[in-house]
């Protein structure tokens, strides 16, 4: 079920994102996936309304940049398998 607009963040282009924008791990995973070549539609198809950290939980003491690269890779694997 989509989140209510009050729980979504604006992306600055007038569109509303279902992904949380305040969490550094989530933001980094999304950025890494988009930089790896995902379109927003493909990423949305894999994540749906889930936060990237729900799909790929960060490891304890994992730095944000390392998490972002690992999460983007794991999201890509899920995309290819679907």
PDB file of N, CA and C in Angstrom:
ATOM      1  N   UNK A   1       0.851  -1.176   0.000  1.00  0.00           N
ATOM      2  CA  UNK A   1       0.000   0.000   0.000  1.00  0.00           C
ATOM      3  C   UNK A   1       0.894   1.236   0.000  1.00  0.00           C
ATOM      4  N   UNK A   2       0.646   2.202  -0.889  1.00  0.00           N
ATOM      5  CA  UNK A   2       1.452   3.410  -0.934  1.00  0.00           C
ATOM      6  C   UNK A   2       1.335   4.204   0.355  1.00  0.00           C
ATOM      7  N   UNK A   3       2.413   4.893   0.691  1.00  0.00           N
ATOM      8  CA  UNK A   3       2.392   5.731   1.887  1.00  0.00           C
ATOM      9  C   UNK A   3       1.593   6.992   1.603  1.00  0.00           C
ATOM     10  N   UNK A   4       0.938   7.528   2.637  1.00  0.00           N
ATOM     11  CA  UNK A   4       0.231   8.796   2.451  1.00  0.00           C
ATOM     12  C   UNK A   4       1.222   9.889   2.064  1.00  0.00           C
ATOM     13  N   UNK A   5       0.759  10.870   1.316  1.00  0.00           N
ATOM     14  CA  UNK A   5       1.634  11.950   0.874  1.00  0.00           C
ATOM     15  C   UNK A   5       2.318  12.638   2.047  1.00  0.00           C
ATOM     16  N   UNK A   6       1.665  12.676   3.198  1.00  0.00           N
ATOM     17  CA  UNK A   6       2.260  13.329   4.362  1.00  0.00           C
ATOM     18  C   UNK A   6       3.509  12.600   4.845  1.00  0.00           C
ATOM     19  N   UNK A   7       3.678  11.326   4.482  1.00  0.00           N
ATOM     20  CA  UNK A   7       4.842  10.551   4.901  1.00  0.00           C
ATOM     21  C   UNK A   7       5.902  10.476   3.816  1.00  0.00           C
ATOM     22  N   UNK A   8       5.639  11.091   2.666  1.00  0.00           N
ATOM     23  CA  UNK A   8       6.601  11.075   1.573  1.00  0.00           C
ATOM     24  C   UNK A   8       7.295  12.415   1.478  1.00  0.00           C
ATOM     25  N   UNK A   9       8.428  12.435   0.832  1.00  0.00           N
ATOM     26  CA  UNK A   9       9.203  13.657   0.688  1.00  0.00           C
ATOM     27  C   UNK A   9       9.198  14.123  -0.752  1.00  0.00           C
ATOM     28  N   UNK A  10       9.233  15.412  -0.936  1.00  0.00           N
ATOM     29  CA  UNK A  10       9.335  15.961  -2.278  1.00  0.00           C
ATOM     30  C   UNK A  10      10.758  15.810  -2.771  1.00  0.00           C
ATOM     31  N   UNK A  11      10.933  15.552  -4.056  1.00  0.00           N
ATOM     32  CA  UNK A  11      12.261  15.388  -4.630  1.00  0.00           C
ATOM     33  C   UNK A  11      12.794  16.701  -5.174  1.00  0.00           C
ATOM     34  N   UNK A  12      12.108  17.793  -4.983  1.00  0.00           N
ATOM     35  CA  UNK A  12      12.568  19.063  -5.481  1.00  0.00           C
ATOM     36  C   UNK A  12      12.087  19.352  -6.895  1.00  0.00           C
ATOM     37  N   UNK A  13      11.565  18.351  -7.587  1.00  0.00           N
ATOM     38  CA  UNK A  13      11.067  18.562  -8.939  1.00  0.00           C
ATOM     39  C   UNK A  13       9.535  18.543  -8.964  1.00  0.00           C
ATOM     40  N   UNK A  14       8.922  18.655  -7.790  1.00  0.00           N
ATOM     41  CA  UNK A  14       7.471  18.642  -7.710  1.00  0.00           C
ATOM     42  C   UNK A  14       6.888  17.248  -7.550  1.00  0.00           C
ATOM     43  N   UNK A  15       7.709  16.209  -7.800  1.00  0.00           N
ATOM     44  CA  UNK A  15       7.231  14.839  -7.654  1.00  0.00           C
ATOM     45  C   UNK A  15       7.451  14.392  -6.221  1.00  0.00           C
ATOM     46  N   UNK A  16       6.649  13.455  -5.796  1.00  0.00           N
ATOM     47  CA  UNK A  16       6.754  12.937  -4.435  1.00  0.00           C
ATOM     48  C   UNK A  16       7.412  11.573  -4.490  1.00  0.00           C
ATOM     49  N   UNK A  17       8.366  11.353  -3.604  1.00  0.00           N
ATOM     50  CA  UNK A  17       9.070  10.085  -3.542  1.00  0.00           C
ATOM     51  C   UNK A  17       8.497   9.226  -2.433  1.00  0.00           C
ATOM     52  N   UNK A  18       8.354   7.935  -2.711  1.00  0.00           N
ATOM     53  CA  UNK A  18       7.901   7.011  -1.673  1.00  0.00           C
ATOM     54  C   UNK A  18       9.042   6.628  -0.749  1.00  0.00           C
ATOM     55  N   UNK A  19      10.289   6.986  -1.117  1.00  0.00           N
ATOM     56  CA  UNK A  19      11.448   6.614  -0.314  1.00  0.00           C
ATOM     57  C   UNK A  19      11.773   7.704   0.687  1.00  0.00           C
ATOM     58  N   UNK A  20      12.142   7.306   1.869  1.00  0.00           N
ATOM     59  CA  UNK A  20      12.514   8.314   2.874  1.00  0.00           C
ATOM     60  C   UNK A  20      13.760   9.068   2.425  1.00  0.00           C
ATOM     61  N   UNK A  21      13.776  10.350   2.638  1.00  0.00           N
ATOM     62  CA  UNK A  21      14.902  11.168   2.201  1.00  0.00           C
ATOM     63  C   UNK A  21      15.801  11.590   3.364  1.00  0.00           C
ATOM     64  N   UNK A  22      15.430  11.278   4.578  1.00  0.00           N
ATOM     65  CA  UNK A  22      16.178  11.765   5.727  1.00  0.00           C
ATOM     66  C   UNK A  22      17.209  10.764   6.231  1.00  0.00           C
ATOM     67  N   UNK A  23      17.174   9.536   5.784  1.00  0.00           N
ATOM     68  CA  UNK A  23      18.063   8.516   6.311  1.00  0.00           C
ATOM     69  C   UNK A  23      19.276   8.359   5.411  1.00  0.00           C
ATOM     70  N   UNK A  24      20.477   8.559   5.952  1.00  0.00           N
ATOM     71  CA  UNK A  24      21.673   8.520   5.104  1.00  0.00           C
ATOM     72  C   UNK A  24      21.904   7.176   4.419  1.00  0.00           C
ATOM     73  N   UNK A  25      21.633   6.070   5.089  1.00  0.00           N
ATOM     74  CA  UNK A  25      21.839   4.766   4.455  1.00  0.00           C
ATOM     75  C   UNK A  25      20.902   4.600   3.265  1.00  0.00           C
ATOM     76  N   UNK A  26      19.662   4.980   3.438  1.00  0.00           N
ATOM     77  CA  UNK A  26      18.676   4.864   2.361  1.00  0.00           C
ATOM     78  C   UNK A  26      19.045   5.755   1.190  1.00  0.00           C
ATOM     79  N   UNK A  27      19.375   7.007   1.492  1.00  0.00           N
ATOM     80  CA  UNK A  27      19.742   7.945   0.430  1.00  0.00           C
ATOM     81  C   UNK A  27      20.939   7.434  -0.357  1.00  0.00           C
ATOM     82  N   UNK A  28      21.933   6.914   0.340  1.00  0.00           N
ATOM     83  CA  UNK A  28      23.141   6.452  -0.339  1.00  0.00           C
ATOM     84  C   UNK A  28      22.864   5.237  -1.217  1.00  0.00           C
ATOM     85  N   UNK A  29      22.054   4.309  -0.729  1.00  0.00           N
ATOM     86  CA  UNK A  29      21.725   3.124  -1.522  1.00  0.00           C
ATOM     87  C   UNK A  29      20.984   3.523  -2.790  1.00  0.00           C
ATOM     88  N   UNK A  30      20.052   4.442  -2.671  1.00  0.00           N
ATOM     89  CA  UNK A  30      19.294   4.904  -3.830  1.00  0.00           C
ATOM     90  C   UNK A  30      20.221   5.608  -4.808  1.00  0.00           C
ATOM     91  N   UNK A  31      21.075   6.471  -4.300  1.00  0.00           N
ATOM     92  CA  UNK A  31      22.003   7.200  -5.173  1.00  0.00           C
ATOM     93  C   UNK A  31      22.929   6.245  -5.908  1.00  0.00           C
ATOM     94  N   UNK A  32      23.481   5.274  -5.189  1.00  0.00           N
ATOM     95  CA  UNK A  32      24.390   4.301  -5.807  1.00  0.00           C
ATOM     96  C   UNK A  32      23.667   3.492  -6.880  1.00  0.00           C
ATOM     97  N   UNK A  33      22.432   3.085  -6.618  1.00  0.00           N
ATOM     98  CA  UNK A  33      21.672   2.306  -7.592  1.00  0.00           C
ATOM     99  C   UNK A  33      21.392   3.133  -8.840  1.00  0.00           C
ATOM    100  N   UNK A  34      21.031   4.395  -8.658  1.00  0.00           N
ATOM    101  CA  UNK A  34      20.761   5.256  -9.811  1.00  0.00           C
ATOM    102  C   UNK A  34      22.041   5.517 -10.599  1.00  0.00           C
ATOM    103  N   UNK A  35      23.147   5.707  -9.901  1.00  0.00           N
ATOM    104  CA  UNK A  35      24.429   5.918 -10.582  1.00  0.00           C
ATOM    105  C   UNK A  35      24.899   4.659 -11.302  1.00  0.00           C
ATOM    106  N   UNK A  36      24.466   3.499 -10.825  1.00  0.00           N
ATOM    107  CA  UNK A  36      24.831   2.231 -11.468  1.00  0.00           C
ATOM    108  C   UNK A  36      24.012   1.983 -12.731  1.00  0.00           C
ATOM    109  N   UNK A  37      23.011   2.823 -12.979  1.00  0.00           N
ATOM    110  CA  UNK A  37      22.246   2.690 -14.212  1.00  0.00           C
ATOM    111  C   UNK A  37      20.781   2.374 -14.065  1.00  0.00           C
ATOM    112  N   UNK A  38      20.313   2.174 -12.846  1.00  0.00           N
ATOM    113  CA  UNK A  38      18.881   1.948 -12.653  1.00  0.00           C
ATOM    114  C   UNK A  38      18.100   3.191 -13.038  1.00  0.00           C
ATOM    115  N   UNK A  39      16.939   2.995 -13.619  1.00  0.00           N
ATOM    116  CA  UNK A  39      16.005   4.103 -13.773  1.00  0.00           C
ATOM    117  C   UNK A  39      15.182   4.166 -12.492  1.00  0.00           C
ATOM    118  N   UNK A  40      14.527   5.278 -12.280  1.00  0.00           N
ATOM    119  CA  UNK A  40      13.686   5.372 -11.085  1.00  0.00           C
ATOM    120  C   UNK A  40      12.548   4.357 -11.139  1.00  0.00           C
ATOM    121  N   UNK A  41      12.070   4.059 -12.350  1.00  0.00           N
ATOM    122  CA  UNK A  41      10.996   3.075 -12.490  1.00  0.00           C
ATOM    123  C   UNK A  41      11.486   1.677 -12.117  1.00  0.00           C
ATOM    124  N   UNK A  42      12.690   1.323 -12.560  1.00  0.00           N
ATOM    125  CA  UNK A  42      13.242   0.001 -12.224  1.00  0.00           C
ATOM    126  C   UNK A  42      13.479  -0.119 -10.725  1.00  0.00           C
ATOM    127  N   UNK A  43      14.032   0.929 -10.148  1.00  0.00           N
ATOM    128  CA  UNK A  43      14.295   0.919  -8.708  1.00  0.00           C
ATOM    129  C   UNK A  43      12.994   0.835  -7.924  1.00  0.00           C
ATOM    130  N   UNK A  44      12.003   1.564  -8.372  1.00  0.00           N
ATOM    131  CA  UNK A  44      10.698   1.512  -7.724  1.00  0.00           C
ATOM    132  C   UNK A  44      10.088   0.119  -7.845  1.00  0.00           C
ATOM    133  N   UNK A  45      10.313  -0.538  -8.982  1.00  0.00           N
ATOM    134  CA  UNK A  45       9.799  -1.890  -9.170  1.00  0.00           C
ATOM    135  C   UNK A  45      10.401  -2.886  -8.200  1.00  0.00           C
ATOM    136  N   UNK A  46      11.666  -2.694  -7.848  1.00  0.00           N
ATOM    137  CA  UNK A  46      12.327  -3.591  -6.896  1.00  0.00           C
ATOM    138  C   UNK A  46      11.947  -3.230  -5.463  1.00  0.00           C
ATOM    139  N   UNK A  47      11.974  -1.940  -5.149  1.00  0.00           N
ATOM    140  CA  UNK A  47      11.736  -1.516  -3.775  1.00  0.00           C
ATOM    141  C   UNK A  47      10.259  -1.406  -3.425  1.00  0.00           C
ATOM    142  N   UNK A  48       9.442  -1.005  -4.389  1.00  0.00           N
ATOM    143  CA  UNK A  48       8.049  -0.719  -4.046  1.00  0.00           C
ATOM    144  C   UNK A  48       8.013   0.399  -3.031  1.00  0.00           C
ATOM    145  N   UNK A  49       7.290   0.219  -1.971  1.00  0.00           N
ATOM    146  CA  UNK A  49       7.225   1.221  -0.900  1.00  0.00           C
ATOM    147  C   UNK A  49       8.214   0.932   0.224  1.00  0.00           C
ATOM    148  N   UNK A  50       9.033  -0.096   0.026  1.00  0.00           N
ATOM    149  CA  UNK A  50       9.990  -0.445   1.080  1.00  0.00           C
ATOM    150  C   UNK A  50      11.181   0.493   1.073  1.00  0.00           C
ATOM    151  N   UNK A  51      11.734   0.684   2.222  1.00  0.00           N
ATOM    152  CA  UNK A  51      12.985   1.407   2.384  1.00  0.00           C
ATOM    153  C   UNK A  51      14.116   0.469   1.961  1.00  0.00           C
ATOM    154  N   UNK A  52      15.152   0.969   1.317  1.00  0.00           N
ATOM    155  CA  UNK A  52      16.262   0.080   0.946  1.00  0.00           C
ATOM    156  C   UNK A  52      16.834  -0.686   2.137  1.00  0.00           C
ATOM    157  N   UNK A  53      16.807  -0.072   3.313  1.00  0.00           N
ATOM    158  CA  UNK A  53      17.344  -0.753   4.494  1.00  0.00           C
ATOM    159  C   UNK A  53      16.457  -1.900   4.956  1.00  0.00           C
ATOM    160  N   UNK A  54      15.200  -1.918   4.537  1.00  0.00           N
ATOM    161  CA  UNK A  54      14.334  -3.059   4.830  1.00  0.00           C
ATOM    162  C   UNK A  54      14.707  -4.244   3.950  1.00  0.00           C
ATOM    163  N   UNK A  55      15.061  -3.962   2.719  1.00  0.00           N
ATOM    164  CA  UNK A  55      15.425  -4.999   1.763  1.00  0.00           C
ATOM    165  C   UNK A  55      16.852  -5.494   1.996  1.00  0.00           C
ATOM    166  N   UNK A  56      17.751  -4.559   2.281  1.00  0.00           N
ATOM    167  CA  UNK A  56      19.167  -4.873   2.509  1.00  0.00           C
ATOM    168  C   UNK A  56      19.583  -4.163   3.799  1.00  0.00           C
ATOM    169  N   UNK A  57      19.468  -4.837   4.929  1.00  0.00           N
ATOM    170  CA  UNK A  57      19.813  -4.185   6.195  1.00  0.00           C
ATOM    171  C   UNK A  57      21.309  -3.868   6.286  1.00  0.00           C
ATOM    172  N   UNK A  58      21.640  -2.695   6.835  1.00  0.00           N
ATOM    173  CA  UNK A  58      23.056  -2.376   7.041  1.00  0.00           C
ATOM    174  C   UNK A  58      23.667  -3.311   8.075  1.00  0.00           C
ATOM    175  N   UNK A  59      24.942  -3.604   7.899  1.00  0.00           N
ATOM    176  CA  UNK A  59      25.664  -4.391   8.888  1.00  0.00           C
ATOM    177  C   UNK A  59      26.051  -3.476  10.039  1.00  0.00           C
ATOM    178  N   UNK A  60      26.231  -4.043  11.183  1.00  0.00           N
ATOM    179  CA  UNK A  60      26.621  -3.261  12.347  1.00  0.00           C
ATOM    180  C   UNK A  60      27.962  -2.588  12.061  1.00  0.00           C
ATOM    181  N   UNK A  61      28.039  -1.309  12.321  1.00  0.00           N
ATOM    182  CA  UNK A  61      29.241  -0.484  12.134  1.00  0.00           C
ATOM    183  C   UNK A  61      29.629  -0.317  10.668  1.00  0.00           C
ATOM    184  N   UNK A  62      28.745  -0.629   9.738  1.00  0.00           N
ATOM    185  CA  UNK A  62      29.055  -0.457   8.316  1.00  0.00           C
ATOM    186  C   UNK A  62      28.970   1.020   7.954  1.00  0.00           C
ATOM    187  N   UNK A  63      29.988   1.514   7.307  1.00  0.00           N
ATOM    188  CA  UNK A  63      29.999   2.910   6.871  1.00  0.00           C
ATOM    189  C   UNK A  63      28.966   3.117   5.770  1.00  0.00           C
ATOM    190  N   UNK A  64      28.428   4.309   5.702  1.00  0.00           N
ATOM    191  CA  UNK A  64      27.385   4.630   4.726  1.00  0.00           C
ATOM    192  C   UNK A  64      27.849   4.379   3.289  1.00  0.00           C
ATOM    193  N   UNK A  65      29.047   4.826   2.868  1.00  0.00           N
ATOM    194  CA  UNK A  65      29.456   4.570   1.479  1.00  0.00           C
ATOM    195  C   UNK A  65      29.554   3.080   1.143  1.00  0.00           C
ATOM    196  N   UNK A  66      30.092   2.299   2.052  1.00  0.00           N
ATOM    197  CA  UNK A  66      30.197   0.864   1.810  1.00  0.00           C
ATOM    198  C   UNK A  66      28.823   0.214   1.743  1.00  0.00           C
ATOM    199  N   UNK A  67      27.945   0.647   2.625  1.00  0.00           N
ATOM    200  CA  UNK A  67      26.585   0.119   2.586  1.00  0.00           C
ATOM    201  C   UNK A  67      25.925   0.452   1.257  1.00  0.00           C
ATOM    202  N   UNK A  68      26.062   1.686   0.812  1.00  0.00           N
ATOM    203  CA  UNK A  68      25.427   2.102  -0.436  1.00  0.00           C
ATOM    204  C   UNK A  68      25.842   1.241  -1.611  1.00  0.00           C
ATOM    205  N   UNK A  69      27.131   0.950  -1.717  1.00  0.00           N
ATOM    206  CA  UNK A  69      27.615   0.106  -2.820  1.00  0.00           C
ATOM    207  C   UNK A  69      27.098  -1.320  -2.686  1.00  0.00           C
ATOM    208  N   UNK A  70      27.139  -1.856  -1.478  1.00  0.00           N
ATOM    209  CA  UNK A  70      26.663  -3.231  -1.260  1.00  0.00           C
ATOM    210  C   UNK A  70      25.166  -3.336  -1.525  1.00  0.00           C
ATOM    211  N   UNK A  71      24.413  -2.373  -1.015  1.00  0.00           N
ATOM    212  CA  UNK A  71      22.958  -2.398  -1.195  1.00  0.00           C
ATOM    213  C   UNK A  71      22.592  -2.267  -2.668  1.00  0.00           C
ATOM    214  N   UNK A  72      23.269  -1.380  -3.392  1.00  0.00           N
ATOM    215  CA  UNK A  72      22.980  -1.228  -4.820  1.00  0.00           C
ATOM    216  C   UNK A  72      23.235  -2.544  -5.548  1.00  0.00           C
ATOM    217  N   UNK A  73      24.304  -3.234  -5.196  1.00  0.00           N
ATOM    218  CA  UNK A  73      24.596  -4.522  -5.817  1.00  0.00           C
ATOM    219  C   UNK A  73      23.530  -5.556  -5.504  1.00  0.00           C
ATOM    220  N   UNK A  74      23.093  -5.606  -4.259  1.00  0.00           N
ATOM    221  CA  UNK A  74      22.070  -6.574  -3.883  1.00  0.00           C
ATOM    222  C   UNK A  74      20.717  -6.238  -4.510  1.00  0.00           C
ATOM    223  N   UNK A  75      20.419  -4.956  -4.646  1.00  0.00           N
ATOM    224  CA  UNK A  75      19.181  -4.551  -5.316  1.00  0.00           C
ATOM    225  C   UNK A  75      19.243  -4.967  -6.786  1.00  0.00           C
ATOM    226  N   UNK A  76      20.418  -4.802  -7.409  1.00  0.00           N
ATOM    227  CA  UNK A  76      20.566  -5.189  -8.804  1.00  0.00           C
ATOM    228  C   UNK A  76      20.360  -6.696  -8.970  1.00  0.00           C
ATOM    229  N   UNK A  77      20.883  -7.497  -8.060  1.00  0.00           N
ATOM    230  CA  UNK A  77      20.689  -8.946  -8.123  1.00  0.00           C
ATOM    231  C   UNK A  77      19.200  -9.270  -8.046  1.00  0.00           C
ATOM    232  N   UNK A  78      18.490  -8.633  -7.145  1.00  0.00           N
ATOM    233  CA  UNK A  78      17.046  -8.880  -7.035  1.00  0.00           C
ATOM    234  C   UNK A  78      16.312  -8.469  -8.315  1.00  0.00           C
ATOM    235  N   UNK A  79      16.762  -7.380  -8.931  1.00  0.00           N
ATOM    236  CA  UNK A  79      16.139  -6.919 -10.167  1.00  0.00           C
ATOM    237  C   UNK A  79      16.346  -7.950 -11.284  1.00  0.00           C
ATOM    238  N   UNK A  80      17.563  -8.453 -11.411  1.00  0.00           N
ATOM    239  CA  UNK A  80      17.877  -9.424 -12.462  1.00  0.00           C
ATOM    240  C   UNK A  80      17.105 -10.737 -12.225  1.00  0.00           C
ATOM    241  N   UNK A  81      16.936 -11.118 -10.980  1.00  0.00           N
ATOM    242  CA  UNK A  81      16.241 -12.368 -10.659  1.00  0.00           C
ATOM    243  C   UNK A  81      14.736 -12.260 -10.860  1.00  0.00           C
ATOM    244  N   UNK A  82      14.218 -11.045 -10.909  1.00  0.00           N
ATOM    245  CA  UNK A  82      12.756 -10.887 -11.038  1.00  0.00           C
ATOM    246  C   UNK A  82      12.300 -10.991 -12.481  1.00  0.00           C
TER     247      UNK A  82
END
